[in-house]
Amino acid sequence: MDDYRAIADDLAADIAAGRLRPGDRLPPLRRFARDRRIASSTAARVYGELSRRGLTVGEVGRGTFVRSTAPAAEPALAEPGEARVDLELNFPVLPGHPALLAQSLGQLLRPDALAAALRPVGAVGTAAARQAAAAHLARGDWAPDPRQLLFAGNGRQAIAAAIAALVPAGERLGVESLTYPVVKGIAARLGITLVPLSMDEHGLTPEALRAAPPLRAVYLQPALHNPLGVTMPAHRRTELAAALRELDLFAIEDAIYGFLRNDLSPLAALAPERTVVIDSLSKRLAPGLSLGFLTVPEGTAQDFATALRTGTWTASRFALDAATRWMSDGTAAAAEEEKRADAAARQRLVAERLAGFRVGADPHAYHCWWELPEPWRADTFVAAAARRGIAVTPSGAFAIGSGHAPNAVRLALASPPVEVLAEALDALAGLAQGAPEDTAAE
């Protein structure tokens, strides 16, 4: 057994026996190496192994701590819970929307229409679907070309197909240093290396693209970034478009939350030949009957269609036909308008109930980013919130690799009723105003 693994085993035994308790801080790397009389590189491998096993968590500027609870295998893929307040996953389904959506489906259930909807369909969908989607997905001064539209079963599958088409196995995909966790799983299954790229208050920086090792593509979220909630200003999108051309690099633009800011043009409006736009109906309408969209650069549709077929990520014909009706008759537009108002109202509630804390988000977003006050750590706070029946997501779920994660949590605001959300925010505010040791005996 390698020496670093033996040392990691010793520390793991100390954690299991309670000699190292949840929340304990491990020594700084250099001091640990000196105390153990090992090389700094060996000490780094020990800490990396403990993190890989899920026993410790690193936080920017604070150090490495013993986890309060065993981590979930995949925080972003947790199952929705009924006996808790879910601020972990975003399922925005407003009370009147099932009835609204049902009104458009009557004609689809006629035997002749249903017979067509039960047949298979390819990645290019139907002409009616492409026309409806092109008109519906347009925002700002951007409108997709119907000839460049492809369809996937959902947004995650659309992202996977875009990555598979652009990044061969063994190559690198650039991602923001905090990113949508599902991308980490996709990259692992495709044998792709993720390269974290630095961000500032406006999102991904052009300098980070230029300083990165050679990349085959970059995945980014310019509008209502998940988890940070920030939206790139126009000047940053212009700078990034120039950098994509300069570096001969493709961007996979995740626009799944973009409908909440339908006044803003996507990055694709500035660099259509370098950008693949990913969208979905899961947030726009409902997660139960979803559809994913890819708007691809001119002349590339065949490559992306092949990736969709190879991955078996194409849409079902029934979902495609249902979505076409919703997009064509105004049902989808009406539902999305109500969700924009709902998201803004929930953000106002956050501003009221978490006043005085460092909470950031676009005021139109369905999620927010909470930088926790001292002496709280993200992992400890998540565990304490869970004991109160409230599920939130720690920053580590969004961090790339074993690097340090900020001392923050993401709150997903869309799932609970507004009155339940208000009570949960009050409970979390009260928790944050206390001290971690106050909850130790709970």
Protein backbone atom coordinates (compact mmCIF):
# COMPACT_ATOMS: atom_id res chain seq x y z
CA MET A 1 0.00 0.00 0.00
CA ASP A 2 1.27 3.50 -0.79
CA ASP A 3 2.47 5.46 2.27
CA TYR A 4 -0.02 8.28 1.71
CA ARG A 5 -2.92 5.81 1.74
CA ALA A 6 -1.73 4.28 5.00
CA ILE A 7 -1.64 7.72 6.59
CA ALA A 8 -5.09 8.45 5.20
CA ASP A 9 -6.30 5.15 6.69
CA ASP A 10 -4.98 6.23 10.11
CA LEU A 11 -6.83 9.53 9.92
CA ALA A 12 -9.98 7.78 8.69
CA ALA A 13 -9.79 5.50 11.73
CA ASP A 14 -9.46 8.54 14.01
CA ILE A 15 -12.58 10.03 12.41
CA ALA A 16 -14.53 6.77 12.76
CA ALA A 17 -13.51 6.44 16.42
CA GLY A 18 -14.41 10.04 17.24
CA ARG A 19 -10.86 11.11 17.97
CA LEU A 20 -11.32 13.56 15.11
CA ARG A 21 -14.82 14.98 15.40
CA PRO A 22 -17.10 16.57 12.81
CA GLY A 23 -16.05 20.18 12.32
CA ASP A 24 -12.45 19.66 13.53
CA ARG A 25 -9.91 21.49 11.42
CA LEU A 26 -6.91 19.56 10.13
CA PRO A 27 -3.48 21.21 10.39
CA PRO A 28 -2.25 23.34 7.47
CA LEU A 29 -0.59 21.20 4.83
CA ARG A 30 2.99 22.27 5.59
CA ARG A 31 2.61 21.75 9.33
CA PHE A 32 1.00 18.33 8.76
CA ALA A 33 3.94 17.36 6.53
CA ARG A 34 6.44 18.59 9.11
CA ASP A 35 4.72 16.85 12.03
CA ARG A 36 4.50 13.58 10.10
CA ARG A 37 7.99 13.96 8.65
CA ILE A 38 6.74 13.46 5.12
CA ALA A 39 7.11 15.43 1.92
CA SER A 40 4.63 18.22 1.21
CA SER A 41 3.58 16.37 -1.94
CA THR A 42 2.76 13.28 0.14
CA ALA A 43 0.77 15.38 2.59
CA ALA A 44 -1.21 16.83 -0.30
CA ARG A 45 -2.03 13.32 -1.51
CA VAL A 46 -3.21 12.36 2.00
CA TYR A 47 -5.58 15.32 2.12
CA GLY A 48 -6.72 14.59 -1.41
CA GLU A 49 -7.46 10.97 -0.49
CA LEU A 50 -9.51 12.03 2.55
CA SER A 51 -11.50 14.41 0.37
CA ARG A 52 -12.02 11.68 -2.25
CA ARG A 53 -13.41 9.39 0.43
CA GLY A 54 -15.83 12.12 1.49
CA LEU A 55 -14.34 12.42 4.99
CA THR A 56 -13.15 16.03 4.76
CA VAL A 57 -14.10 19.23 2.98
CA GLY A 58 -11.89 22.18 2.03
CA GLU A 59 -13.07 25.76 2.28
CA VAL A 60 -11.42 28.77 0.66
CA GLY A 61 -9.29 30.76 3.09
CA ARG A 62 -10.21 28.56 6.06
CA GLY A 63 -8.61 25.15 5.62
CA THR A 64 -9.65 21.49 5.63
CA PHE A 65 -12.32 20.20 8.04
CA VAL A 66 -13.78 16.85 9.04
CA ARG A 67 -17.22 16.52 7.47
CA SER A 68 -20.24 16.77 9.74
CA THR A 69 -22.13 14.07 7.85
CA ALA A 70 -21.37 11.59 5.12
CA PRO A 71 -21.84 13.35 1.77
CA ALA A 72 -24.58 12.41 -0.63
CA ALA A 73 -23.32 10.46 -3.62
CA GLU A 74 -24.66 13.11 -5.98
CA PRO A 75 -26.22 16.17 -4.31
CA ALA A 76 -27.64 17.52 -7.56
CA LEU A 77 -29.44 14.25 -8.30
CA ALA A 78 -31.13 13.81 -4.96
CA GLU A 79 -34.70 12.55 -5.02
CA PRO A 80 -37.37 15.09 -4.19
CA GLY A 81 -38.53 14.63 -0.62
CA GLU A 82 -42.07 14.91 0.70
CA ALA A 83 -41.32 15.13 4.42
CA ARG A 84 -38.94 18.07 4.18
CA VAL A 85 -38.74 21.59 2.81
CA ASP A 86 -36.83 21.17 -0.44
CA LEU A 87 -34.49 24.11 -1.07
CA GLU A 88 -32.07 21.75 -2.80
CA LEU A 89 -33.84 21.07 -6.10
CA ASN A 90 -35.78 23.48 -8.30
CA PHE A 91 -39.16 22.15 -9.49
CA PRO A 92 -41.15 25.26 -10.46
CA VAL A 93 -44.71 24.03 -11.04
CA LEU A 94 -47.27 26.73 -10.18
CA PRO A 95 -50.71 25.67 -8.85
CA GLY A 96 -52.77 26.44 -11.96
CA HIS A 97 -50.32 25.13 -14.52
CA PRO A 98 -51.41 21.48 -14.76
CA ALA A 99 -54.89 22.64 -15.78
CA LEU A 100 -53.39 25.21 -18.17
CA LEU A 101 -51.24 22.56 -19.86
CA ALA A 102 -54.10 20.06 -20.01
CA GLN A 103 -56.25 22.43 -22.09
CA SER A 104 -53.91 22.08 -25.08
CA LEU A 105 -53.71 18.31 -25.02
CA GLY A 106 -57.28 17.44 -25.95
CA GLN A 107 -56.67 17.40 -29.69
CA LEU A 108 -53.44 15.40 -29.20
CA LEU A 109 -55.47 12.60 -27.63
CA ARG A 110 -57.63 12.09 -30.73
CA PRO A 111 -56.79 8.67 -32.24
CA ASP A 112 -55.28 10.10 -35.44
CA ALA A 113 -53.08 12.64 -33.63
CA LEU A 114 -52.12 10.10 -30.97
CA ALA A 115 -51.16 7.55 -33.62
CA ALA A 116 -48.63 10.01 -35.02
CA ALA A 117 -47.38 10.98 -31.55
CA LEU A 118 -46.67 7.35 -30.68
CA ARG A 119 -44.24 6.89 -33.58
CA PRO A 120 -40.50 7.41 -33.14
CA VAL A 121 -38.89 10.67 -34.19
CA GLY A 122 -35.31 11.61 -35.01
CA ALA A 123 -33.04 14.30 -33.59
CA VAL A 124 -34.35 16.88 -36.08
CA GLY A 125 -37.91 16.46 -34.81
CA THR A 126 -40.63 17.71 -37.13
CA ALA A 127 -40.90 20.84 -39.25
CA ALA A 128 -43.73 22.10 -37.05
CA ALA A 129 -41.65 21.56 -33.91
CA ARG A 130 -38.64 23.38 -35.35
CA GLN A 131 -40.74 26.39 -36.37
CA ALA A 132 -42.53 26.55 -33.02
CA ALA A 133 -39.33 26.15 -31.01
CA ALA A 134 -37.43 28.75 -33.03
CA ALA A 135 -40.13 31.33 -32.38
CA HIS A 136 -40.52 30.39 -28.73
CA LEU A 137 -36.84 30.28 -27.75
CA ALA A 138 -36.06 33.70 -29.22
CA ARG A 139 -35.09 36.35 -26.66
CA GLY A 140 -33.53 39.77 -26.81
CA ASP A 141 -32.34 40.35 -30.36
CA TRP A 142 -31.59 36.66 -30.96
CA ALA A 143 -33.79 34.16 -32.79
CA PRO A 144 -32.55 30.67 -33.66
CA ASP A 145 -32.66 29.37 -37.21
CA PRO A 146 -35.20 26.49 -37.35
CA ARG A 147 -32.78 24.59 -39.60
CA GLN A 148 -30.19 24.57 -36.79
CA LEU A 149 -32.51 23.17 -34.11
CA LEU A 150 -32.28 19.64 -32.71
CA PHE A 151 -34.24 17.93 -29.94
CA ALA A 152 -33.23 15.81 -26.94
CA GLY A 153 -35.23 14.06 -24.26
CA ASN A 154 -34.37 16.74 -21.70
CA GLY A 155 -31.83 19.44 -20.94
CA ARG A 156 -29.32 17.08 -19.34
CA GLN A 157 -29.32 14.90 -22.43
CA ALA A 158 -28.89 17.96 -24.63
CA ILE A 159 -25.83 18.97 -22.59
CA ALA A 160 -24.41 15.44 -22.80
CA ALA A 161 -24.88 15.33 -26.57
CA ALA A 162 -23.21 18.71 -27.03
CA ILE A 163 -20.23 17.66 -24.95
CA ALA A 164 -19.95 14.30 -26.71
CA ALA A 165 -20.05 15.97 -30.14
CA LEU A 166 -17.40 18.58 -29.33
CA VAL A 167 -14.99 16.90 -26.90
CA PRO A 168 -13.43 13.50 -27.70
CA ALA A 169 -12.64 11.10 -24.87
CA GLY A 170 -9.39 12.04 -23.15
CA GLU A 171 -9.65 15.72 -24.11
CA ARG A 172 -10.45 18.78 -21.98
CA LEU A 173 -13.65 20.74 -21.43
CA GLY A 174 -13.41 24.11 -19.73
CA VAL A 175 -16.06 24.87 -17.09
CA GLU A 176 -16.63 27.68 -14.63
CA SER A 177 -14.96 26.98 -11.28
CA LEU A 178 -18.43 26.52 -9.78
CA THR A 179 -20.73 24.74 -12.19
CA TYR A 180 -23.85 22.64 -12.65
CA PRO A 181 -22.98 19.34 -10.89
CA VAL A 182 -24.52 17.12 -13.58
CA VAL A 183 -21.75 18.20 -15.95
CA LYS A 184 -19.23 16.51 -13.66
CA GLY A 185 -21.03 13.19 -14.01
CA ILE A 186 -21.39 13.55 -17.77
CA ALA A 187 -17.69 14.26 -18.16
CA ALA A 188 -16.74 11.27 -16.03
CA ARG A 189 -18.90 8.92 -18.11
CA LEU A 190 -17.51 10.30 -21.37
CA GLY A 191 -13.87 10.12 -20.21
CA ILE A 192 -13.41 13.90 -20.45
CA THR A 193 -11.23 16.05 -18.17
CA LEU A 194 -12.84 19.16 -16.71
CA VAL A 195 -10.68 22.26 -16.40
CA PRO A 196 -11.98 24.81 -13.85
CA LEU A 197 -11.87 28.40 -15.11
CA SER A 198 -11.77 31.40 -12.80
CA MET A 199 -14.70 33.77 -12.42
CA ASP A 200 -15.31 37.28 -11.09
CA GLU A 201 -18.47 39.09 -10.10
CA HIS A 202 -19.63 39.03 -13.74
CA GLY A 203 -18.96 35.32 -14.33
CA LEU A 204 -16.35 33.59 -16.49
CA THR A 205 -13.46 35.83 -17.50
CA PRO A 206 -11.86 35.94 -20.98
CA GLU A 207 -8.45 35.85 -19.30
CA ALA A 208 -9.30 32.46 -17.81
CA LEU A 209 -10.01 31.08 -21.28
CA ARG A 210 -6.71 32.41 -22.60
CA ALA A 211 -4.70 31.08 -19.65
CA ALA A 212 -6.20 27.57 -19.75
CA PRO A 213 -4.45 24.57 -21.27
CA PRO A 214 -5.72 23.65 -24.75
CA LEU A 215 -9.48 23.06 -24.60
CA ARG A 216 -11.86 21.49 -27.09
CA ALA A 217 -14.85 23.46 -25.79
CA VAL A 218 -16.13 25.44 -22.81
CA TYR A 219 -19.41 24.94 -20.94
CA LEU A 220 -20.82 28.08 -19.34
CA GLN A 221 -23.98 29.71 -18.02
CA PRO A 222 -24.08 33.41 -18.94
CA ALA A 223 -27.64 34.02 -17.67
CA LEU A 224 -28.73 33.30 -14.07
CA HIS A 225 -25.72 31.15 -13.36
CA ASN A 226 -26.32 28.01 -11.33
CA PRO A 227 -25.36 28.17 -8.46
CA LEU A 228 -24.26 31.82 -8.21
CA GLY A 229 -27.34 33.37 -9.81
CA VAL A 230 -25.31 36.09 -11.55
CA THR A 231 -25.99 37.27 -15.11
CA MET A 232 -23.19 38.44 -17.40
CA PRO A 233 -23.42 42.06 -18.49
CA ALA A 234 -23.36 42.83 -22.21
CA HIS A 235 -19.70 43.90 -22.22
CA ARG A 236 -18.58 40.56 -20.75
CA ARG A 237 -20.52 38.57 -23.33
CA THR A 238 -18.89 40.68 -26.06
CA GLU A 239 -15.44 40.00 -24.60
CA LEU A 240 -16.10 36.27 -24.40
CA ALA A 241 -17.37 36.14 -27.98
CA ALA A 242 -14.11 37.74 -29.12
CA ALA A 243 -12.07 35.26 -27.06
CA LEU A 244 -13.94 32.29 -28.56
CA ARG A 245 -13.05 33.45 -32.06
CA GLU A 246 -9.47 34.22 -31.11
CA LEU A 247 -8.97 30.76 -29.57
CA ASP A 248 -11.01 28.91 -32.23
CA LEU A 249 -13.10 27.50 -29.38
CA PHE A 250 -16.71 26.31 -29.18
CA ALA A 251 -18.96 27.29 -26.29
CA ILE A 252 -21.82 25.21 -24.90
CA GLU A 253 -24.17 27.87 -23.57
CA ASP A 254 -26.58 26.54 -20.94
CA ALA A 255 -29.64 28.78 -21.28
CA ILE A 256 -32.07 26.63 -19.32
CA TYR A 257 -32.81 29.43 -16.83
CA GLY A 258 -32.53 32.13 -19.50
CA PHE A 259 -36.31 32.37 -20.01
CA LEU A 260 -36.48 34.20 -16.68
CA ARG A 261 -34.54 37.04 -18.37
CA ASN A 262 -36.12 36.98 -21.80
CA ASP A 263 -35.02 40.58 -22.36
CA LEU A 264 -31.37 39.49 -22.64
CA SER A 265 -29.72 38.08 -25.75
CA PRO A 266 -27.59 34.96 -25.30
CA LEU A 267 -23.90 34.72 -26.09
CA ALA A 268 -24.97 33.00 -29.32
CA ALA A 269 -26.26 36.33 -30.64
CA LEU A 270 -22.64 37.57 -30.69
CA ALA A 271 -20.87 34.39 -31.81
CA PRO A 272 -23.42 32.09 -33.50
CA GLU A 273 -20.72 30.19 -35.39
CA ARG A 274 -18.93 29.30 -32.11
CA THR A 275 -21.89 28.63 -29.80
CA VAL A 276 -24.25 25.73 -29.08
CA VAL A 277 -27.28 26.88 -27.09
CA ILE A 278 -28.91 24.37 -24.72
CA ASP A 279 -32.45 24.90 -23.48
CA SER A 280 -35.23 22.81 -21.99
CA LEU A 281 -38.88 22.81 -20.99
CA SER A 282 -38.23 21.38 -17.52
CA LYS A 283 -37.97 24.79 -15.84
CA ARG A 284 -40.12 26.63 -18.36
CA LEU A 285 -43.10 24.28 -17.95
CA ALA A 286 -42.67 21.19 -15.76
CA PRO A 287 -40.07 18.48 -15.13
CA GLY A 288 -42.47 15.59 -15.65
CA LEU A 289 -42.85 16.02 -19.41
CA SER A 290 -39.62 17.54 -20.65
CA LEU A 291 -37.91 18.32 -23.91
CA GLY A 292 -34.35 19.47 -24.61
CA PHE A 293 -33.25 21.84 -27.37
CA LEU A 294 -29.90 22.33 -29.11
CA THR A 295 -29.35 25.29 -31.39
CA VAL A 296 -26.13 24.47 -33.22
CA PRO A 297 -23.81 26.45 -35.52
CA GLU A 298 -24.50 26.33 -39.23
CA GLY A 299 -23.05 23.27 -40.94
CA THR A 300 -22.70 21.22 -37.71
CA ALA A 301 -26.20 19.75 -37.27
CA GLN A 302 -25.20 16.31 -38.54
CA ASP A 303 -22.44 15.93 -35.93
CA PHE A 304 -24.77 16.81 -33.07
CA ALA A 305 -27.58 14.65 -34.45
CA THR A 306 -25.16 11.72 -34.54
CA ALA A 307 -24.23 12.33 -30.89
CA LEU A 308 -27.92 12.41 -29.93
CA ARG A 309 -28.61 9.12 -31.72
CA THR A 310 -25.49 7.42 -30.41
CA GLY A 311 -26.29 8.36 -26.83
CA THR A 312 -29.99 7.45 -27.28
CA TRP A 313 -30.74 11.01 -26.16
CA THR A 314 -33.37 11.85 -28.77
CA ALA A 315 -36.79 13.13 -27.72
CA SER A 316 -40.00 11.11 -27.59
CA ARG A 317 -42.53 12.00 -30.27
CA PHE A 318 -45.35 12.46 -27.73
CA ALA A 319 -43.37 15.03 -25.72
CA LEU A 320 -42.33 16.75 -28.94
CA ASP A 321 -45.91 17.02 -30.22
CA ALA A 322 -47.24 18.17 -26.85
CA ALA A 323 -44.54 20.81 -26.59
CA THR A 324 -45.21 21.98 -30.13
CA ARG A 325 -48.83 22.63 -29.23
CA TRP A 326 -47.90 24.46 -26.02
CA MET A 327 -45.36 26.64 -27.82
CA SER A 328 -47.67 27.36 -30.77
CA ASP A 329 -50.88 28.28 -28.97
CA GLY A 330 -49.40 30.57 -26.29
CA THR A 331 -49.72 28.13 -23.40
CA ALA A 332 -45.97 27.96 -22.82
CA ALA A 333 -45.60 31.73 -23.05
CA ALA A 334 -48.37 32.26 -20.48
CA ALA A 335 -46.84 29.75 -18.07
CA GLU A 336 -43.39 31.31 -18.40
CA GLU A 337 -44.72 34.82 -17.79
CA GLU A 338 -46.26 33.65 -14.53
CA LYS A 339 -43.00 31.99 -13.53
CA ARG A 340 -41.05 35.19 -14.14
CA ALA A 341 -43.38 36.98 -11.73
CA ASP A 342 -43.16 34.08 -9.24
CA ALA A 343 -39.35 33.98 -9.29
CA ALA A 344 -39.11 37.74 -8.76
CA ALA A 345 -41.54 37.52 -5.83
CA ARG A 346 -39.50 34.75 -4.22
CA GLN A 347 -36.32 36.79 -4.60
CA ARG A 348 -38.02 39.70 -2.84
CA LEU A 349 -38.92 37.30 -0.05
CA VAL A 350 -35.28 36.23 0.24
CA ALA A 351 -34.17 39.89 0.41
CA GLU A 352 -36.65 40.47 3.24
CA ARG A 353 -36.10 37.33 5.30
CA LEU A 354 -32.30 37.12 4.87
CA ALA A 355 -31.64 40.86 5.19
CA GLY A 356 -28.22 41.54 6.69
CA PHE A 357 -26.64 38.38 5.27
CA ARG A 358 -24.46 38.19 2.15
CA VAL A 359 -26.90 36.74 -0.37
CA GLY A 360 -26.35 37.13 -4.10
CA ALA A 361 -28.52 36.44 -7.14
CA ASP A 362 -30.06 37.98 -10.18
CA PRO A 363 -33.39 39.39 -8.90
CA HIS A 364 -35.17 37.25 -11.53
CA ALA A 365 -33.54 33.92 -10.57
CA TYR A 366 -35.13 30.87 -8.95
CA HIS A 367 -32.08 30.33 -6.75
CA CYS A 368 -29.62 32.33 -4.67
CA TRP A 369 -26.11 32.00 -3.27
CA TRP A 370 -25.63 32.55 0.47
CA GLU A 371 -22.14 33.30 1.81
CA LEU A 372 -22.42 32.04 5.36
CA PRO A 373 -21.36 34.12 8.36
CA GLU A 374 -18.56 33.07 10.69
CA PRO A 375 -18.17 30.68 12.37
CA TRP A 376 -20.47 28.57 10.21
CA ARG A 377 -19.06 26.24 7.58
CA ALA A 378 -21.11 25.05 4.62
CA ASP A 379 -21.03 21.39 5.58
CA THR A 380 -22.02 22.04 9.19
CA PHE A 381 -24.80 24.41 8.17
CA VAL A 382 -26.27 21.90 5.71
CA ALA A 383 -26.35 19.25 8.43
CA ALA A 384 -27.96 21.62 10.95
CA ALA A 385 -30.58 22.70 8.39
CA ALA A 386 -31.36 19.06 7.61
CA ARG A 387 -32.09 18.43 11.29
CA ARG A 388 -34.75 21.14 10.96
CA GLY A 389 -36.24 19.42 7.93
CA ILE A 390 -34.78 21.84 5.37
CA ALA A 391 -32.61 20.60 2.50
CA VAL A 392 -30.02 23.00 1.03
CA THR A 393 -26.96 22.39 -1.14
CA PRO A 394 -23.37 23.05 0.00
CA SER A 395 -20.92 24.84 -2.27
CA GLY A 396 -18.80 21.71 -2.58
CA ALA A 397 -21.46 20.12 -4.81
CA PHE A 398 -20.65 22.71 -7.48
CA ALA A 399 -16.85 22.85 -7.14
CA ILE A 400 -14.63 21.12 -9.70
CA GLY A 401 -12.14 18.51 -8.52
CA SER A 402 -10.89 18.39 -4.95
CA GLY A 403 -10.17 22.11 -4.77
CA HIS A 404 -11.46 24.32 -2.01
CA ALA A 405 -15.09 25.39 -2.14
CA PRO A 406 -16.40 28.73 -0.88
CA ASN A 407 -18.07 28.87 2.50
CA ALA A 408 -21.56 29.13 1.02
CA VAL A 409 -24.77 27.28 0.22
CA ARG A 410 -27.24 27.46 -2.66
CA LEU A 411 -30.91 27.87 -1.93
CA ALA A 412 -33.30 26.63 -4.62
CA LEU A 413 -36.47 28.67 -4.22
CA ALA A 414 -38.97 27.21 -6.67
CA SER A 415 -40.29 24.00 -5.10
CA PRO A 416 -42.10 24.84 -1.83
CA PRO A 417 -45.25 26.96 -1.60
CA VAL A 418 -44.45 30.61 -0.87
CA GLU A 419 -45.67 30.46 2.73
CA VAL A 420 -43.52 27.37 3.39
CA LEU A 421 -40.53 29.07 1.77
CA ALA A 422 -41.00 32.09 4.05
CA GLU A 423 -41.02 29.88 7.16
CA ALA A 424 -37.94 27.99 5.96
CA LEU A 425 -36.03 31.21 5.30
CA ASP A 426 -36.90 32.46 8.79
CA ALA A 427 -35.66 29.19 10.27
CA LEU A 428 -32.41 29.35 8.31
CA ALA A 429 -31.86 32.99 9.31
CA GLY A 430 -32.32 32.07 12.96
CA LEU A 431 -29.93 29.16 12.55
CA ALA A 432 -27.26 31.36 10.93
CA GLN A 433 -27.53 33.91 13.72
CA GLY A 434 -26.60 31.25 16.25
CA ALA A 435 -23.41 29.22 16.57
CA PRO A 436 -22.66 25.68 15.32
CA GLU A 437 -22.04 24.46 18.87
CA ASP A 438 -25.59 25.44 19.78
CA THR A 439 -26.85 22.71 17.46
CA ALA A 440 -24.29 20.04 18.37
CA ALA A 441 -26.60 18.23 20.76
CA GLU A 442 -29.63 18.18 18.45
